[in-house]
Amino acid sequence: MEEILVLAEHRQGQVRDITFEILTLANRLGIEREATVSVLLSCGGEAYPGEKELAASCDDLLVIGDEGLAHYNADHYLAVLERVLAERRPRFILMGHTSMGMDLAPSLAARLSIPLVTDCLEEEATSGGLQILRQMYGGKIQARISLKPSEQYLLTIRPGCFECRRGQGKSAHLKVLDSHDWTGLRGRRFLEYLETGPADVDIAEADILVSVGRGIGKPENIPLAQEFADAIGATLSCSRPVADEGWLPKSRQVGTSGKTVRPKVYIALGISGAYQHQAGMKNSGTIIAVNKDPQAPIFGFAHYGIIGDVMKVLPILKEKFA
C-alpha cells in the first residue's frame, strides 16, 4: 500500500497550522489512492508537541526525539530525513511552503533524487499520479501540471489553501524511531528565535480580517478602518497598493506577493479584487465586499456585497457594530 508522509512543522513547542492543513489534503488523497497517511515528527527529547492532535489526524505517527531536533536546523533535519525516507520510501512527501520548507525541500529532493514541486495550491489524484495546481508569472496564470511518472514525489504546500482541522477521526499507531548520531556533523547552529515587534501581527492566524484597498483614499482614513476592525474583534490587513504606499506594513498584505489567508470572515473595503489578491483570500469562509464600482471583480466571488463609497459605508458599519 502506498504511503503519504507529512513532515510536521513545530515552533516553540506548538505544531503549526500548516501541518494540519497538509493533513487535510493528505487524508483526502489517502482515500482517493487507498494510501496510508503518516506524520514524521522530529522534536527534542521525550515531549512530543501536538502528539494527540497529530495521532487523531493520521494512520501512523513516527517520532524522533532528540535534543538535536528541538529546533529547526537544516543540517540536522536533512541527516535524519534522508535516512528515514530512504528506508520507508513513501510515495508522496508533503511539507509546508514555509521558510522551513523552502530551505529544506530542494536539498532533500536532491539527496533522494526525486522530483520536487514547490508552492502547490491544489493536488488531484489521477490514474498515473498527480496533477498539481500552481501559479506562474507572479500569480497572473494558474497552471495545472501533470507530473512525469516517478516512484516518489516531494511537494511543498502553500499555507492557507486547505482547511486546518486538528483531528480527523483517526487513531494513529505511535512509533518511536532511532535518533541520529551527530558525531562529525558541523554546520549551522540554532541560536534563538527572534519575535516580530509588537506592531506586526500574523494575519494568516486571524479568524476575522478587515482588509483595506486603494478605495480607502488616503492614509489618514486607515484609523477609521482600524476602529471598525477593533469593534468586531478583527485584524486589519490590506491589498498591495496600500502596502506599496507604506500606509500599512508589508506584513499586513494579502495576495500572491503577500500572505495567503483563510479567515472565517474576510471584509474587503475598497478592494477591486484583482487576480493576485483573489489568490490570497478566495478560500475565506465568508467574503464581504464594499466597493463603489459595481463591476469590480471582487463581487464575482464575494458572498455579500455593498455597492457604495467605502468612506460613507464604513462609518455606518462601525456604528452598527460599536
Protein backbone atom coordinates (compact mmCIF):
# COMPACT_ATOMS: atom_id res chain seq x y z
CA MET A 1 0.00 0.00 0.00
CA GLU A 2 1.21 3.49 -0.83
CA GLU A 3 2.27 5.86 1.92
CA ILE A 4 1.72 9.61 2.04
CA LEU A 5 4.13 11.14 4.55
CA VAL A 6 3.66 14.60 6.05
CA LEU A 7 6.57 16.38 7.68
CA ALA A 8 5.27 18.07 10.84
CA GLU A 9 6.44 21.60 11.48
CA HIS A 10 6.57 22.95 15.02
CA ARG A 11 7.86 26.03 16.72
CA GLN A 12 8.47 26.64 20.41
CA GLY A 13 6.52 23.55 21.44
CA GLN A 14 3.49 24.13 19.17
CA VAL A 15 2.67 22.28 15.95
CA ARG A 16 1.99 24.91 13.30
CA ASP A 17 -1.32 25.16 11.46
CA ILE A 18 0.28 24.34 8.11
CA THR A 19 0.84 20.77 9.31
CA PHE A 20 -2.87 20.21 9.89
CA GLU A 21 -3.73 21.95 6.61
CA ILE A 22 -1.49 19.49 4.79
CA LEU A 23 -3.05 16.61 6.70
CA THR A 24 -6.47 17.66 5.38
CA LEU A 25 -5.06 17.27 1.87
CA ALA A 26 -3.14 14.08 2.71
CA ASN A 27 -6.19 12.33 4.12
CA ARG A 28 -8.24 13.25 1.07
CA LEU A 29 -5.53 11.89 -1.22
CA GLY A 30 -5.23 8.83 1.02
CA ILE A 31 -8.89 7.99 0.43
CA GLU A 32 -8.61 8.62 -3.31
CA ARG A 33 -5.48 6.49 -3.68
CA GLU A 34 -6.18 3.95 -0.90
CA ALA A 35 -2.94 5.01 0.78
CA THR A 36 -1.92 5.31 4.41
CA VAL A 37 -1.15 8.73 5.87
CA SER A 38 1.90 9.08 8.11
CA VAL A 39 3.33 12.02 10.03
CA LEU A 40 7.01 12.37 10.81
CA LEU A 41 7.60 14.49 13.90
CA SER A 42 11.19 15.45 14.66
CA CYS A 43 11.44 17.04 18.08
CA GLY A 44 13.60 17.42 21.16
CA GLY A 45 13.57 14.86 23.97
CA GLU A 46 10.52 12.86 25.04
CA ALA A 47 7.95 15.69 24.94
CA TYR A 48 6.14 15.30 21.63
CA PRO A 49 4.42 18.55 20.53
CA GLY A 50 0.81 18.06 19.42
CA GLU A 51 1.00 14.28 19.85
CA LYS A 52 -2.74 13.74 20.48
CA GLU A 53 -3.90 16.06 17.69
CA LEU A 54 -1.46 14.54 15.22
CA ALA A 55 -2.42 10.99 16.20
CA ALA A 56 -6.07 11.87 15.54
CA SER A 57 -5.18 13.04 12.03
CA CYS A 58 -3.12 10.19 10.57
CA ASP A 59 -2.67 6.42 10.44
CA ASP A 60 0.93 6.29 11.66
CA LEU A 61 2.75 8.79 13.84
CA LEU A 62 6.53 8.49 13.54
CA VAL A 63 8.54 10.34 16.18
CA ILE A 64 12.23 11.03 16.52
CA GLY A 65 13.00 12.59 19.88
CA ASP A 66 16.48 14.11 20.10
CA GLU A 67 17.79 17.37 21.52
CA GLY A 68 19.47 17.98 18.18
CA LEU A 69 15.99 18.29 16.66
CA ALA A 70 14.40 20.53 19.30
CA HIS A 71 14.65 23.50 16.94
CA TYR A 72 14.76 23.53 13.16
CA ASN A 73 18.26 23.10 11.82
CA ALA A 74 18.57 22.16 8.14
CA ASP A 75 21.77 20.15 8.66
CA HIS A 76 20.21 18.01 11.40
CA TYR A 77 16.85 17.62 9.66
CA LEU A 78 18.47 16.60 6.37
CA ALA A 79 20.58 13.93 8.08
CA VAL A 80 17.53 12.42 9.80
CA LEU A 81 15.08 12.73 6.92
CA GLU A 82 17.44 11.31 4.32
CA ARG A 83 17.82 8.16 6.42
CA VAL A 84 14.16 7.72 7.34
CA LEU A 85 12.75 8.49 3.88
CA ALA A 86 15.30 6.26 2.15
CA GLU A 87 14.17 3.39 4.39
CA ARG A 88 10.40 3.95 4.09
CA ARG A 89 10.26 5.28 0.50
CA PRO A 90 6.82 6.94 0.78
CA ARG A 91 5.05 7.64 -2.50
CA PHE A 92 4.39 11.30 -1.60
CA ILE A 93 6.28 13.53 0.83
CA LEU A 94 4.43 16.70 1.80
CA MET A 95 5.70 19.72 3.72
CA GLY A 96 4.75 23.37 4.06
CA HIS A 97 5.89 26.05 1.63
CA THR A 98 7.20 27.98 4.61
CA SER A 99 10.64 29.34 5.42
CA MET A 100 11.49 25.88 6.74
CA GLY A 101 10.07 24.03 3.73
CA MET A 102 11.71 26.33 1.19
CA ASP A 103 15.04 25.83 2.94
CA LEU A 104 14.73 22.08 3.35
CA ALA A 105 12.88 20.72 0.31
CA PRO A 106 15.40 21.40 -2.52
CA SER A 107 18.32 19.84 -0.66
CA LEU A 108 16.21 16.88 0.43
CA ALA A 109 14.92 16.26 -3.10
CA ALA A 110 18.47 16.39 -4.43
CA ARG A 111 19.75 13.93 -1.84
CA LEU A 112 16.91 11.48 -2.54
CA SER A 113 16.99 12.10 -6.32
CA ILE A 114 13.23 12.61 -6.51
CA PRO A 115 11.08 15.25 -8.30
CA LEU A 116 10.17 18.41 -6.38
CA VAL A 117 7.17 20.67 -6.96
CA THR A 118 7.03 23.80 -4.81
CA ASP A 119 4.25 26.20 -3.74
CA CYS A 120 1.38 23.87 -4.62
CA LEU A 121 -2.16 25.26 -4.33
CA GLU A 122 -4.13 22.11 -5.07
CA GLU A 123 -3.47 18.46 -5.87
CA GLU A 124 -5.69 15.99 -7.66
CA ALA A 125 -5.05 12.26 -7.84
CA THR A 126 -5.05 10.70 -11.31
CA SER A 127 -4.54 7.15 -12.54
CA GLY A 128 -0.95 7.97 -13.45
CA GLY A 129 -0.03 10.08 -10.43
CA LEU A 130 -0.91 13.66 -9.53
CA GLN A 131 -1.98 16.87 -11.18
CA ILE A 132 -0.70 19.99 -9.43
CA LEU A 133 -2.18 23.48 -9.49
CA ARG A 134 0.37 26.25 -9.02
CA GLN A 135 0.83 29.85 -10.06
CA MET A 136 3.22 31.36 -12.57
CA TYR A 137 4.32 34.87 -13.53
CA GLY A 138 3.55 36.42 -10.17
CA GLY A 139 0.09 34.89 -9.94
CA LYS A 140 -1.11 36.04 -13.37
CA ILE A 141 -1.50 32.43 -14.56
CA GLN A 142 -2.70 29.31 -12.80
CA ALA A 143 -1.05 26.27 -14.31
CA ARG A 144 -2.32 22.72 -13.87
CA ILE A 145 0.62 20.44 -14.47
CA SER A 146 0.87 16.66 -14.71
CA LEU A 147 3.89 15.07 -13.09
CA LYS A 148 6.02 12.63 -15.00
CA PRO A 149 5.93 9.05 -13.66
CA SER A 150 8.15 8.59 -10.62
CA GLU A 151 8.29 6.26 -7.64
CA GLN A 152 8.31 9.25 -5.27
CA TYR A 153 7.40 12.93 -5.23
CA LEU A 154 8.22 15.76 -2.85
CA LEU A 155 5.72 18.65 -2.67
CA THR A 156 5.61 21.88 -0.68
CA ILE A 157 2.10 23.20 0.05
CA ARG A 158 1.21 26.89 0.25
CA PRO A 159 -0.24 27.84 3.67
CA GLY A 160 -3.90 28.81 3.73
CA CYS A 161 -5.00 26.62 0.80
CA PHE A 162 -6.64 23.86 2.86
CA GLU A 163 -8.80 23.71 5.95
CA CYS A 164 -6.91 23.48 9.23
CA ARG A 165 -8.55 20.52 11.01
CA ARG A 166 -6.89 19.49 14.27
CA GLY A 167 -8.11 15.92 14.44
CA GLN A 168 -9.76 13.94 11.66
CA GLY A 169 -11.26 10.98 13.46
CA LYS A 170 -8.23 8.72 13.28
CA SER A 171 -6.15 6.96 15.91
CA ALA A 172 -2.56 6.58 14.77
CA HIS A 173 -0.06 3.98 15.81
CA LEU A 174 2.85 5.68 17.59
CA LYS A 175 6.30 4.52 16.57
CA VAL A 176 9.45 5.99 18.07
CA LEU A 177 12.35 5.89 15.64
CA ASP A 178 16.03 5.77 16.49
CA SER A 179 17.75 9.11 16.98
CA HIS A 180 20.75 10.18 14.95
CA ASP A 181 24.46 10.15 15.68
CA TRP A 182 25.61 13.75 15.27
CA THR A 183 29.32 12.89 15.54
CA GLY A 184 31.28 14.79 12.93
CA LEU A 185 28.31 16.89 11.78
CA ARG A 186 29.39 20.50 11.72
CA GLY A 187 27.43 23.30 10.16
CA ARG A 188 24.66 25.61 11.19
CA ARG A 189 23.71 26.08 14.84
CA PHE A 190 20.40 27.26 16.28
CA LEU A 191 20.87 30.37 18.38
CA GLU A 192 17.46 31.82 19.24
CA TYR A 193 14.04 32.78 17.92
CA LEU A 194 13.58 36.47 17.22
CA GLU A 195 9.96 37.51 17.70
CA THR A 196 8.39 40.13 15.46
CA GLY A 197 7.81 43.51 17.01
CA PRO A 198 4.53 44.34 18.76
CA ALA A 199 3.32 46.37 15.74
CA ASP A 200 3.39 43.31 13.49
CA VAL A 201 0.76 40.57 13.51
CA ASP A 202 0.37 37.30 11.66
CA ILE A 203 -2.70 37.92 9.52
CA ALA A 204 -2.71 34.27 8.48
CA GLU A 205 -3.75 33.34 12.04
CA ALA A 206 -6.73 35.73 12.22
CA ASP A 207 -10.33 34.45 12.27
CA ILE A 208 -11.69 37.78 11.01
CA LEU A 209 -9.88 40.14 8.65
CA VAL A 210 -10.84 43.67 7.67
CA SER A 211 -8.79 44.41 4.56
CA VAL A 212 -8.41 47.87 3.02
CA GLY A 213 -7.54 48.72 -0.56
CA ARG A 214 -6.93 51.75 -2.70
CA GLY A 215 -10.57 52.77 -2.19
CA ILE A 216 -9.75 53.85 1.37
CA GLY A 217 -8.49 57.04 -0.30
CA LYS A 218 -5.61 58.21 1.86
CA PRO A 219 -3.55 57.08 4.87
CA GLU A 220 -5.50 59.39 7.18
CA ASN A 221 -8.51 57.11 6.69
CA ILE A 222 -6.71 53.98 7.92
CA PRO A 223 -7.54 54.68 11.62
CA LEU A 224 -11.28 54.54 10.82
CA ALA A 225 -10.82 51.08 9.33
CA GLN A 226 -8.77 50.08 12.38
CA GLU A 227 -11.55 51.28 14.70
CA PHE A 228 -14.06 49.19 12.77
CA ALA A 229 -11.75 46.15 12.94
CA ASP A 230 -11.34 46.63 16.70
CA ALA A 231 -15.12 46.91 17.14
CA ILE A 232 -15.70 43.47 15.60
CA GLY A 233 -12.59 41.78 17.00
CA ALA A 234 -10.84 41.64 13.64
CA THR A 235 -7.29 42.11 12.41
CA LEU A 236 -6.52 44.83 9.86
CA SER A 237 -4.92 43.77 6.58
CA CYS A 238 -4.56 45.32 3.13
CA SER A 239 -4.08 44.90 -0.59
CA ARG A 240 -0.77 45.51 -2.36
CA PRO A 241 -1.31 49.19 -3.31
CA VAL A 242 -1.81 50.10 0.35
CA ALA A 243 1.34 48.25 1.38
CA ASP A 244 3.33 49.70 -1.54
CA GLU A 245 2.35 53.22 -0.45
CA GLY A 246 3.53 52.43 3.07
CA TRP A 247 0.13 53.05 4.63
CA LEU A 248 0.34 49.64 6.32
CA PRO A 249 3.38 47.35 6.73
CA LYS A 250 4.07 44.58 4.23
CA SER A 251 3.31 42.03 6.96
CA ARG A 252 -0.38 43.03 6.58
CA GLN A 253 -0.53 42.44 2.81
CA VAL A 254 -2.85 39.77 1.36
CA GLY A 255 -2.15 38.28 -2.06
CA THR A 256 0.40 36.44 -4.15
CA SER A 257 3.16 38.88 -3.16
CA GLY A 258 1.88 38.99 0.43
CA LYS A 259 0.25 36.25 2.51
CA THR A 260 -2.36 33.64 1.73
CA VAL A 261 -5.12 33.79 4.34
CA ARG A 262 -8.16 31.70 5.17
CA PRO A 263 -10.15 33.53 7.87
CA LYS A 264 -13.71 32.68 8.83
CA VAL A 265 -14.78 36.18 7.69
CA TYR A 266 -12.99 38.45 5.21
CA ILE A 267 -14.27 42.04 4.81
CA ALA A 268 -12.79 43.81 1.79
CA LEU A 269 -13.06 47.61 1.90
CA GLY A 270 -12.32 49.41 -1.35
CA ILE A 271 -10.56 46.42 -2.92
CA SER A 272 -11.31 45.76 -6.59
CA GLY A 273 -10.30 42.10 -6.34
CA ALA A 274 -7.50 41.73 -8.89
CA TYR A 275 -6.43 38.16 -9.52
CA GLN A 276 -3.32 38.48 -7.36
CA HIS A 277 -5.48 39.50 -4.41
CA GLN A 278 -8.11 36.81 -5.07
CA ALA A 279 -5.44 34.12 -4.94
CA GLY A 280 -4.54 35.19 -1.41
CA MET A 281 -8.03 35.15 0.15
CA LYS A 282 -10.55 33.34 -2.05
CA ASN A 283 -10.73 30.36 0.33
CA SER A 284 -12.05 32.52 3.20
CA GLY A 285 -15.20 31.25 4.89
CA THR A 286 -17.40 34.30 4.22
CA ILE A 287 -16.34 37.18 1.97
CA ILE A 288 -17.99 40.59 2.33
CA ALA A 289 -17.06 43.33 -0.16
CA VAL A 290 -17.63 47.08 -0.16
CA ASN A 291 -16.79 48.89 -3.40
CA LYS A 292 -18.30 51.78 -5.34
CA ASP A 293 -17.68 50.04 -8.69
CA PRO A 294 -20.49 47.52 -9.38
CA GLN A 295 -18.24 45.88 -12.00
CA ALA A 296 -15.38 45.26 -9.55
CA PRO A 297 -14.12 41.65 -9.90
CA ILE A 298 -14.47 41.06 -6.17
CA PHE A 299 -18.26 41.00 -6.49
CA GLY A 300 -17.86 37.95 -8.72
CA PHE A 301 -16.79 35.75 -5.81
CA ALA A 302 -17.89 37.63 -2.66
CA HIS A 303 -20.75 36.09 -0.68
CA TYR A 304 -22.17 39.51 0.23
CA GLY A 305 -21.58 42.89 -1.38
CA ILE A 306 -22.31 46.56 -0.74
CA ILE A 307 -22.04 48.94 -3.69
CA GLY A 308 -21.04 52.29 -2.29
CA ASP A 309 -18.23 54.62 -1.28
CA VAL A 310 -16.18 52.98 1.46
CA MET A 311 -15.85 56.25 3.37
CA LYS A 312 -19.64 56.60 3.51
CA VAL A 313 -20.38 52.94 4.28
CA LEU A 314 -17.63 52.41 6.88
CA PRO A 315 -18.96 54.87 9.50
CA ILE A 316 -22.38 53.19 9.27
CA LEU A 317 -20.85 49.73 9.74
CA LYS A 318 -18.76 50.98 12.66
CA GLU A 319 -21.84 52.48 14.31
CA LYS A 320 -23.80 49.22 13.93
CA PHE A 321 -21.04 47.11 15.47
CA ALA A 322 -19.52 49.51 18.02
